[in-house]
Amino acid sequence: MEREAIQRVETWMSRYRSNGRGGSPAERAELLLAILNDHHGSNRLRLTYICTGLGCTLRSVERVFKAKYGESMHKMQKRLRMERVNWCLRADPKIKLSALAFEMGYDRLSEFSRYFRQREGMTPQQYLEKVILPELAREAAKSEKSHGV
């Protein structure tokens, strides 16, 4: 995953070098946003490493990124990760949490659960049982009611 991001950065940089440019800070911020979106904010994306590939420091891109998008790259990365987790839990409530943890870039379910608990105040399993499943049940009941079933 990170390797894909670095290849994308290298391709992007070679295009700019061939034009005698290095890409503006705003363009670098746009590329980082695209990478974060493409990888759903995975924990495996090390932003410092990617910025080095862009030929800039994390701090220099961070300032532009925050000015342009209103939040830091790390906050955006965490928000995108949680949005993806929420989407996955809704799409497949029977998903193995260990598989979801791995997809989000965690080597152990315990790391993922700790992160999730810090963000949501409950474990992924509790969140699934107390938030996702009741919402899905309400949506199903509403759908049945609107279709006259």
Protein backbone atom coordinates (compact mmCIF):
# COMPACT_ATOMS: atom_id res chain seq x y z
CA MET A 1 0.00 0.00 0.00
CA GLU A 2 2.67 2.48 0.98
CA ARG A 3 4.76 1.26 -1.93
CA GLU A 4 1.88 2.15 -4.28
CA ALA A 5 1.71 5.62 -2.78
CA ILE A 6 5.46 6.12 -3.17
CA GLN A 7 5.28 4.97 -6.82
CA ARG A 8 2.52 7.48 -7.39
CA VAL A 9 4.65 10.22 -5.81
CA GLU A 10 7.65 9.24 -7.95
CA THR A 11 5.55 9.31 -11.12
CA TRP A 12 4.14 12.69 -10.14
CA MET A 13 7.61 14.06 -9.34
CA SER A 14 9.13 12.78 -12.60
CA ARG A 15 6.39 14.60 -14.54
CA TYR A 16 7.25 17.85 -12.80
CA ARG A 17 11.00 17.35 -13.14
CA SER A 18 10.62 16.83 -16.88
CA ASN A 19 8.93 20.25 -17.01
CA GLY A 20 11.72 21.79 -14.91
CA ARG A 21 9.39 22.25 -11.91
CA GLY A 22 8.96 20.56 -8.57
CA GLY A 23 5.26 21.11 -8.09
CA SER A 24 3.82 23.79 -5.85
CA PRO A 25 3.07 23.15 -2.16
CA ALA A 26 -0.65 23.32 -2.99
CA GLU A 27 -0.22 20.65 -5.69
CA ARG A 28 1.67 18.46 -3.22
CA ALA A 29 -1.14 18.88 -0.71
CA GLU A 30 -3.65 17.84 -3.39
CA LEU A 31 -1.62 14.74 -4.18
CA LEU A 32 -1.44 13.82 -0.49
CA LEU A 33 -5.21 14.25 -0.16
CA ALA A 34 -5.73 11.97 -3.17
CA ILE A 35 -3.41 9.35 -1.64
CA LEU A 36 -5.22 9.55 1.72
CA ASN A 37 -8.58 9.15 -0.01
CA ASP A 38 -7.39 6.27 -2.19
CA HIS A 39 -6.11 4.36 0.83
CA HIS A 40 -8.95 5.32 3.19
CA GLY A 41 -6.55 6.83 5.70
CA SER A 42 -4.84 3.51 6.35
CA ASN A 43 -2.54 3.37 9.35
CA ARG A 44 0.15 1.92 7.06
CA LEU A 45 0.58 5.22 5.22
CA ARG A 46 3.50 7.00 6.83
CA LEU A 47 3.03 10.61 5.84
CA THR A 48 6.59 11.62 6.73
CA TYR A 49 7.96 9.01 4.32
CA ILE A 50 5.61 10.14 1.54
CA CYS A 51 6.54 13.80 2.08
CA THR A 52 10.21 12.89 1.80
CA GLY A 53 9.40 11.32 -1.57
CA LEU A 54 7.77 14.62 -2.56
CA GLY A 55 10.99 16.44 -1.70
CA CYS A 56 9.54 18.39 1.19
CA THR A 57 9.12 18.13 4.93
CA LEU A 58 5.93 17.00 6.61
CA ARG A 59 5.67 20.38 8.34
CA SER A 60 5.90 22.42 5.12
CA VAL A 61 3.13 20.43 3.43
CA GLU A 62 1.13 20.28 6.67
CA ARG A 63 0.81 24.08 6.77
CA VAL A 64 -0.50 24.24 3.20
CA PHE A 65 -2.72 21.20 3.69
CA LYS A 66 -4.35 22.62 6.81
CA ALA A 67 -4.90 26.01 5.17
CA LYS A 68 -6.42 24.38 2.09
CA TYR A 69 -8.56 21.66 3.73
CA GLY A 70 -9.16 22.97 7.25
CA GLU A 71 -7.61 20.07 9.12
CA SER A 72 -4.21 18.48 9.51
CA MET A 73 -3.16 15.53 7.38
CA HIS A 74 -3.09 13.29 10.46
CA LYS A 75 -6.62 14.30 11.48
CA MET A 76 -7.80 13.77 7.91
CA GLN A 77 -6.08 10.38 7.85
CA LYS A 78 -7.83 9.35 11.09
CA ARG A 79 -11.21 10.68 9.94
CA LEU A 80 -10.99 8.86 6.60
CA ARG A 81 -9.97 5.67 8.41
CA MET A 82 -13.02 5.87 10.71
CA GLU A 83 -15.33 6.63 7.78
CA ARG A 84 -14.04 3.52 6.04
CA VAL A 85 -14.46 1.41 9.18
CA ASN A 86 -18.02 2.68 9.56
CA TRP A 87 -18.76 1.94 5.90
CA CYS A 88 -17.32 -1.59 6.18
CA LEU A 89 -19.33 -2.36 9.31
CA ARG A 90 -22.53 -1.15 7.64
CA ALA A 91 -21.81 -2.99 4.39
CA ASP A 92 -21.04 -6.27 6.15
CA PRO A 93 -21.99 -6.42 9.84
CA LYS A 94 -20.62 -9.98 9.96
CA ILE A 95 -17.15 -8.88 8.88
CA LYS A 96 -14.32 -10.33 10.93
CA LEU A 97 -12.96 -7.48 12.99
CA SER A 98 -9.43 -8.86 12.66
CA ALA A 99 -9.73 -8.62 8.85
CA LEU A 100 -11.05 -5.08 9.14
CA ALA A 101 -8.20 -4.17 11.48
CA PHE A 102 -5.69 -5.52 8.96
CA GLU A 103 -7.36 -3.62 6.10
CA MET A 104 -7.05 -0.42 8.14
CA GLY A 105 -3.34 -1.02 8.62
CA TYR A 106 -3.19 -2.62 12.06
CA ASP A 107 -1.22 -5.80 12.64
CA ARG A 108 -3.25 -6.77 15.71
CA LEU A 109 -6.91 -6.51 16.56
CA SER A 110 -5.95 -5.20 20.01
CA GLU A 111 -4.21 -2.15 18.44
CA PHE A 112 -7.24 -1.45 16.28
CA SER A 113 -9.63 -1.88 19.22
CA ARG A 114 -7.57 0.50 21.35
CA TYR A 115 -7.56 3.11 18.58
CA PHE A 116 -11.28 2.65 17.98
CA ARG A 117 -12.10 2.89 21.70
CA GLN A 118 -10.14 6.15 21.96
CA ARG A 119 -12.10 7.60 19.02
CA GLU A 120 -15.58 6.25 19.71
CA GLY A 121 -15.62 5.46 23.43
CA MET A 122 -16.39 1.78 22.85
CA THR A 123 -14.85 -1.25 21.15
CA PRO A 124 -15.63 -2.03 17.50
CA GLN A 125 -17.83 -4.94 18.62
CA GLN A 126 -19.79 -2.73 21.02
CA TYR A 127 -20.14 -0.07 18.33
CA LEU A 128 -21.45 -2.67 15.91
CA GLU A 129 -24.00 -3.96 18.45
CA LYS A 130 -25.09 -0.60 19.92
CA VAL A 131 -24.92 1.70 16.91
CA ILE A 132 -24.68 -0.04 13.53
CA LEU A 133 -27.10 -2.97 13.98
CA PRO A 134 -29.90 -0.82 15.48
CA GLU A 135 -29.47 1.72 12.66
CA LEU A 136 -29.60 -1.03 10.04
CA ALA A 137 -32.72 -2.48 11.70
CA ARG A 138 -34.43 0.95 11.65
CA GLU A 139 -33.49 1.43 8.00
CA ALA A 140 -34.85 -2.01 7.10
CA ALA A 141 -38.11 -1.36 8.97
CA LYS A 142 -38.48 2.02 7.30
CA SER A 143 -37.83 0.45 3.89
CA GLU A 144 -40.40 -2.30 4.52
CA LYS A 145 -42.93 0.27 5.64
CA SER A 146 -42.40 2.46 2.57
CA HIS A 147 -42.71 -0.57 0.25
CA GLY A 148 -45.87 -1.78 1.96
CA VAL A 149 -44.38 -5.06 3.16
